[in-house]
Protein backbone atom coordinates (compact mmCIF):
# COMPACT_ATOMS: atom_id res chain seq x y z
CA MET A 1 -0.25 -0.15 0.24
CA PRO A 2 1.34 3.16 -1.41
CA ARG A 3 2.46 5.40 2.38
CA PRO A 4 -0.10 8.78 2.59
CA PRO A 5 1.92 11.83 1.24
CA ALA A 6 3.59 13.80 4.14
CA SER A 7 1.29 17.07 5.39
CA GLN A 8 2.64 20.20 3.44
CA THR A 9 4.62 22.44 5.99
CA ARG A 10 2.58 25.83 6.69
CA THR A 11 4.86 28.99 5.36
CA GLY A 12 4.06 32.50 6.73
CA ARG A 13 2.76 33.31 10.37
CA PRO A 14 1.69 31.28 12.93
CA PRO A 15 -1.90 31.04 13.98
CA VAL A 16 -2.31 33.86 16.56
CA THR A 17 -4.01 32.19 19.74
CA SER A 18 -2.28 35.00 21.79
CA ARG A 19 -4.21 38.26 23.49
CA ALA A 20 -0.87 39.64 23.52
CA GLN A 21 0.03 38.98 19.73
CA ILE A 22 -3.43 40.58 18.79
CA LEU A 23 -2.92 44.03 20.85
CA ALA A 24 0.41 43.91 19.69
CA GLY A 25 -0.77 43.64 16.13
CA ALA A 26 -3.10 46.15 16.45
CA ARG A 27 -0.73 48.73 18.37
CA ARG A 28 1.58 48.23 15.02
CA LEU A 29 -1.31 49.19 12.62
CA ILE A 30 -2.20 52.24 14.94
CA ASP A 31 1.09 53.23 14.54
CA ARG A 32 1.68 52.97 11.13
CA ASP A 33 -2.26 54.05 10.19
CA GLY A 34 -3.73 55.85 12.89
CA TRP A 35 -6.55 54.14 15.19
CA GLU A 36 -9.14 55.90 13.13
CA ARG A 37 -8.20 53.33 10.42
CA LEU A 38 -7.62 50.30 12.55
CA THR A 39 -10.51 47.22 10.91
CA ILE A 40 -10.57 44.14 12.68
CA ARG A 41 -10.01 42.51 8.54
CA GLN A 42 -6.81 44.95 8.69
CA LEU A 43 -5.53 43.27 11.81
CA ALA A 44 -6.69 39.70 11.24
CA ALA A 45 -4.53 40.45 7.55
CA GLU A 46 -1.51 41.54 9.81
CA LEU A 47 -1.34 38.37 11.79
CA GLY A 48 -2.15 35.63 9.00
CA ILE A 49 -5.47 34.64 10.31
CA GLY A 50 -9.05 34.70 9.47
CA PRO A 51 -11.49 37.65 10.54
CA THR A 52 -13.65 34.33 12.68
CA THR A 53 -10.56 33.73 14.12
CA LEU A 54 -10.25 37.39 15.90
CA TYR A 55 -13.94 37.44 16.92
CA HIS A 56 -12.92 34.41 19.46
CA HIS A 57 -10.56 36.77 21.14
CA VAL A 58 -12.49 40.73 20.29
CA ARG A 59 -15.61 41.31 19.68
CA ASP A 60 -15.44 44.24 18.07
CA LYS A 61 -13.43 47.33 17.49
CA GLU A 62 -14.14 49.04 20.77
CA ASP A 63 -13.59 46.28 22.48
CA LEU A 64 -9.90 45.68 20.72
CA LEU A 65 -8.77 49.58 21.54
CA LEU A 66 -10.43 49.29 24.99
CA LEU A 67 -8.47 46.31 25.58
CA LEU A 68 -5.68 48.34 24.24
CA ILE A 69 -5.97 51.28 26.28
CA THR A 70 -6.47 48.47 29.74
CA GLU A 71 -3.39 47.04 28.84
CA TYR A 72 -1.38 49.86 28.72
CA ALA A 73 -3.09 51.32 32.11
CA ASP A 74 -1.84 47.99 33.82
CA GLN A 75 1.19 49.48 32.91
CA ILE A 76 1.43 52.90 34.71
CA PRO A 77 2.64 52.80 38.55
CA HIS A 78 0.93 54.16 41.36
CA PRO A 79 2.63 56.63 42.86
CA GLU A 80 2.77 57.39 46.01
CA LEU A 81 0.00 59.59 47.43
CA PRO A 82 1.19 62.71 49.32
CA ALA A 83 -0.97 63.45 52.68
CA GLU A 84 -2.43 66.69 51.42
CA PRO A 85 -6.03 65.87 49.24
CA ARG A 86 -5.05 69.11 47.00
CA ASP A 87 -1.66 67.20 46.23
CA ARG A 88 -3.22 63.98 45.48
CA ILE A 89 -5.94 65.24 43.10
CA LEU A 90 -2.92 67.24 42.05
CA LEU A 91 -0.74 64.26 41.29
CA ALA A 92 -3.51 61.71 40.27
CA ALA A 93 -4.46 64.60 36.90
CA THR A 94 -1.18 65.27 36.18
CA ALA A 95 -0.57 61.10 35.68
CA ILE A 96 -3.66 60.49 33.64
CA HIS A 97 -2.33 64.00 31.62
CA ASP A 98 0.88 62.30 30.73
CA ALA A 99 -0.29 58.80 29.95
CA LEU A 100 -2.31 60.19 27.18
CA VAL A 101 0.29 62.42 26.17
CA ALA A 102 2.39 59.39 24.92
CA TRP A 103 -0.80 58.08 23.50
CA PRO A 104 -3.32 60.75 22.12
CA TRP A 105 -5.30 58.41 20.54
CA ALA A 106 -6.59 56.82 23.76
CA ALA A 107 -7.79 60.44 24.51
CA GLU A 108 -9.98 60.44 21.48
CA VAL A 109 -11.08 56.88 22.11
CA LEU A 110 -12.48 57.96 25.84
CA ALA A 111 -13.91 61.36 24.83
CA VAL A 112 -16.63 60.64 26.03
CA ASP A 113 -19.55 61.13 28.87
CA GLY A 114 -19.52 57.73 30.78
CA PHE A 115 -16.12 56.67 29.72
CA ILE A 116 -15.31 55.28 33.17
CA ALA A 117 -17.64 51.98 32.67
CA ARG A 118 -15.38 50.93 30.02
CA ILE A 119 -11.82 51.31 31.60
CA GLY A 120 -10.12 48.82 33.32
CA GLU A 121 -9.53 49.00 37.65
CA SER A 122 -5.78 49.96 37.00
CA ALA A 123 -7.30 53.17 35.34
CA LEU A 124 -10.01 53.61 37.89
CA TRP A 125 -7.37 53.84 40.29
CA PHE A 126 -6.68 57.59 39.30
CA VAL A 127 -10.19 58.92 39.18
CA GLU A 128 -10.59 57.04 42.49
CA VAL A 129 -7.65 59.38 43.74
CA ILE A 130 -9.14 62.47 42.91
CA LEU A 131 -12.92 62.15 43.98
CA ALA A 132 -11.61 61.16 47.67
CA GLY A 133 -8.96 63.85 47.30
CA ALA A 134 -11.79 66.15 46.77
CA VAL A 135 -14.15 64.75 49.69
CA ASP A 136 -11.33 64.85 51.77
CA ALA A 137 -11.04 68.70 50.66
CA GLY A 138 -14.47 69.47 52.15
CA CYS A 139 -16.21 68.86 48.79
CA THR A 140 -19.81 66.71 48.40
CA ARG A 141 -20.04 64.00 46.05
CA GLU A 142 -21.79 65.87 43.52
CA GLU A 143 -18.68 68.18 43.78
CA ALA A 144 -16.33 66.04 43.17
CA ILE A 145 -17.87 64.71 40.14
CA ARG A 146 -18.25 67.59 38.69
CA LEU A 147 -14.55 68.53 39.47
CA PHE A 148 -13.07 65.13 38.23
CA ARG A 149 -15.53 65.67 35.30
CA GLY A 150 -13.73 69.36 34.42
CA LEU A 151 -10.43 68.39 35.27
CA TRP A 152 -11.02 65.23 32.23
CA TYR A 153 -12.26 67.94 29.84
CA TYR A 154 -9.47 70.11 30.35
CA THR A 155 -7.12 67.11 30.14
CA VAL A 156 -8.46 65.81 27.04
CA GLY A 157 -9.15 69.10 25.48
CA GLU A 158 -5.33 70.12 25.63
CA ILE A 159 -4.08 66.74 24.43
CA LEU A 160 -6.67 66.53 21.71
CA VAL A 161 -5.27 69.87 20.69
CA ARG A 162 -1.24 69.21 20.88
CA ALA A 163 -1.96 66.07 18.90
CA ARG A 164 -3.72 67.99 15.97
CA SER A 165 -1.57 70.41 15.63
CA ARG A 166 1.33 68.18 15.76
CA ARG A 167 -0.04 66.76 13.27
CA GLU A 168 -1.27 69.57 10.74
CA GLN A 169 2.46 70.80 11.97
CA VAL A 170 1.20 74.55 13.80
CA ASP A 171 4.29 76.70 13.94
CA TYR A 172 3.64 78.88 17.11
CA THR A 173 6.71 80.88 16.70
CA SER A 174 5.36 82.36 13.31
CA SER A 175 2.10 84.82 14.86
CA ASP A 176 3.41 88.32 13.40
CA ASP A 177 0.63 87.11 10.55
CA LEU A 178 -2.15 85.70 12.87
CA PHE A 179 -4.74 88.40 11.39
CA GLU A 180 -2.57 89.22 8.36
CA ASP A 181 -5.06 90.92 5.49
CA ARG A 182 -8.16 91.73 8.15
CA ASP A 183 -9.38 94.59 9.44
CA MET A 184 -8.38 94.79 13.32
CA SER A 185 -9.86 98.17 13.70
CA GLY A 186 -12.92 96.75 15.82
CA LEU A 187 -10.30 94.13 17.46
CA PRO A 188 -8.11 96.52 19.36
CA HIS A 189 -7.39 93.84 22.17
CA LEU A 190 -6.98 91.05 19.67
CA ALA A 191 -4.60 93.52 17.35
CA ALA A 192 -2.30 93.89 20.51
CA VAL A 193 -1.86 90.50 21.42
CA ALA A 194 -1.34 89.38 17.57
CA ASP A 195 1.95 88.86 17.93
CA LEU A 196 2.27 86.67 20.98
CA TRP A 197 -0.49 84.36 20.32
CA GLY A 198 1.46 81.61 19.04
CA PRO A 199 4.46 81.61 21.98
CA VAL A 200 1.22 81.98 24.30
CA VAL A 201 -0.77 78.77 23.38
CA GLY A 202 1.78 77.10 22.19
CA SER A 203 3.86 77.01 25.50
CA ASP A 204 3.70 74.23 27.93
CA ALA A 205 0.77 75.54 30.29
CA PHE A 206 -1.29 72.60 31.28
CA ARG A 207 0.07 72.39 35.28
CA GLN A 208 -0.70 75.82 35.60
CA GLY A 209 -3.96 75.61 34.59
CA LEU A 210 -4.60 72.06 36.15
CA GLU A 211 -4.20 73.91 39.50
CA ALA A 212 -5.91 77.21 39.17
CA PHE A 213 -8.74 75.04 38.20
CA VAL A 214 -8.40 72.66 41.26
CA ASP A 215 -7.93 75.19 43.97
CA GLY A 216 -10.50 77.72 42.34
CA LEU A 217 -13.05 74.67 42.66
CA LEU A 218 -11.50 73.44 46.05
CA ALA A 219 -11.89 76.98 47.44
CA GLN A 220 -15.70 76.98 46.74
CA ALA A 221 -16.28 74.02 48.36
CA THR A 222 -14.58 75.55 51.66
CA GLN A 223 -16.77 78.66 51.45
CA ARG A 224 -19.63 76.93 51.05
CA SER A 225 -18.46 74.47 54.34
């Protein structure tokens, strides 16, 4: 009886069964093409598997992006917290900002109310620190939520504007012609600062604004109590 033919050796990439491999492939595509262009079919092709196989690991694109963000948040160390509530709030808010600066696309994905229900415990730890600091400083629970919400909007807005400005290669130093060929006679104060506009808005003033925001809201809570 003739022997059966030997099975052909599989060429190309091996089948992917690891979540770590899937997330690594997604990060490569995001770094190359941006998160908006990422699709499950594209990722499956990148990994050398069928889309159906990939769907065994992730439900959809949103699920994939949140898994990436959760994995990233798990790697961010939780700093030792200072005693003062104000300092704890500033520390946690700055840590959130710095983490999103490195991954601005994550800020875009999370730029939606109710995002805290979508993220993992490691990321929620920073939210908990801010809420606890606000309550310890004299805020009501409602005021603590508003404080976090305001900090979140401020942080995400700053990151998204910076990220888009970098993509569009905005030159903050060339502001002399900011209103070139426009009649500014009815806007004297704006005309007076035109040459300063670029350098000022291009400077990193996140921490300064953060402190002013936190101090203002905590002062309101103290006066109320």
